Amino acid sequence: MRLTDIMSFLDLHVWAEVALIIFAVVFIAVILRVLFAPRSLTHKIASIPLDDDDDKSVIDEEAK
C-alpha cells in the first residue's frame, strides 16, 4: 500500500469540520462576552492606554 491509499481511508475531512465547529463556538462566545460586558468595564479598558499610572488593576476589578 502506498501512503496515498492509507491517507484516503482515514477520513481526515472530519477533523476540518470539528475545527470549524470549535472555531464557531469560540467566536460566538467572544462576541457575546464583548456585547454583554458592563459599560463601566468597557470604558475602563478603553482608557488603559491613556492612563499615566502603572497600576493595571482593571483586571483585578473585573474578577470581583
Protein backbone atom coordinates (compact mmCIF):
# COMPACT_ATOMS: atom_id res chain seq x y z
CA MET A 1 0.00 0.00 0.00
CA ARG A 2 1.10 3.47 -0.80
CA LEU A 3 0.82 6.43 1.53
CA THR A 4 -1.94 7.99 -0.57
CA ASP A 5 -4.04 4.85 -0.17
CA ILE A 6 -3.63 4.93 3.61
CA MET A 7 -4.44 8.62 3.84
CA SER A 8 -7.56 8.26 1.70
CA PHE A 9 -9.01 5.67 4.10
CA LEU A 10 -8.55 7.85 7.21
CA ASP A 11 -11.44 10.26 6.55
CA LEU A 12 -9.49 13.33 7.62
CA HIS A 13 -12.25 15.69 6.48
CA VAL A 14 -13.96 15.09 9.82
CA TRP A 15 -11.19 16.97 11.62
CA ALA A 16 -11.73 20.02 9.43
CA GLU A 17 -15.40 20.03 10.40
CA VAL A 18 -14.55 19.64 14.10
CA ALA A 19 -12.11 22.55 13.86
CA LEU A 20 -14.76 24.69 12.17
CA ILE A 21 -17.28 23.93 14.92
CA ILE A 22 -14.75 24.73 17.66
CA PHE A 23 -13.87 28.00 15.93
CA ALA A 24 -17.53 28.97 15.57
CA VAL A 25 -18.28 28.24 19.25
CA VAL A 26 -15.27 30.24 20.47
CA PHE A 27 -16.04 33.10 18.07
CA ILE A 28 -19.65 33.32 19.26
CA ALA A 29 -18.52 33.16 22.90
CA VAL A 30 -16.11 36.07 22.39
CA ILE A 31 -18.74 38.14 20.60
CA LEU A 32 -21.28 37.51 23.38
CA ARG A 33 -18.69 38.41 26.04
CA VAL A 34 -17.93 41.69 24.29
CA LEU A 35 -21.58 42.57 23.69
CA PHE A 36 -22.70 41.85 27.25
CA ALA A 37 -19.73 43.40 29.08
CA PRO A 38 -20.70 46.17 31.51
CA ARG A 39 -20.25 49.70 30.14
CA SER A 40 -18.10 50.74 33.10
CA LEU A 41 -15.65 47.92 32.42
CA THR A 42 -15.57 48.79 28.73
CA HIS A 43 -14.72 52.43 29.47
CA LYS A 44 -12.01 51.44 31.96
CA ILE A 45 -10.40 49.07 29.48
CA ALA A 46 -10.61 51.70 26.71
CA SER A 47 -8.78 54.25 28.85
CA ILE A 48 -5.86 51.97 29.79
CA PRO A 49 -3.54 53.28 27.01
CA LEU A 50 -4.17 56.86 28.13
CA ASP A 51 -3.50 56.30 31.83
CA ASP A 52 -0.21 57.58 33.21
CA ASP A 53 -0.01 55.30 36.23
CA ASP A 54 1.46 51.80 36.06
CA ASP A 55 -1.39 50.27 38.06
CA LYS A 56 -3.26 47.84 35.83
CA SER A 57 -5.95 46.90 38.35
CA VAL A 58 -8.78 46.79 35.82
CA ILE A 59 -8.39 43.05 35.52
CA ASP A 60 -8.49 42.70 39.30
CA GLU A 61 -11.68 44.77 39.49
CA GLU A 62 -13.29 42.62 36.80
CA ALA A 63 -12.72 39.48 38.85
CA LYS A 64 -14.62 40.93 41.83
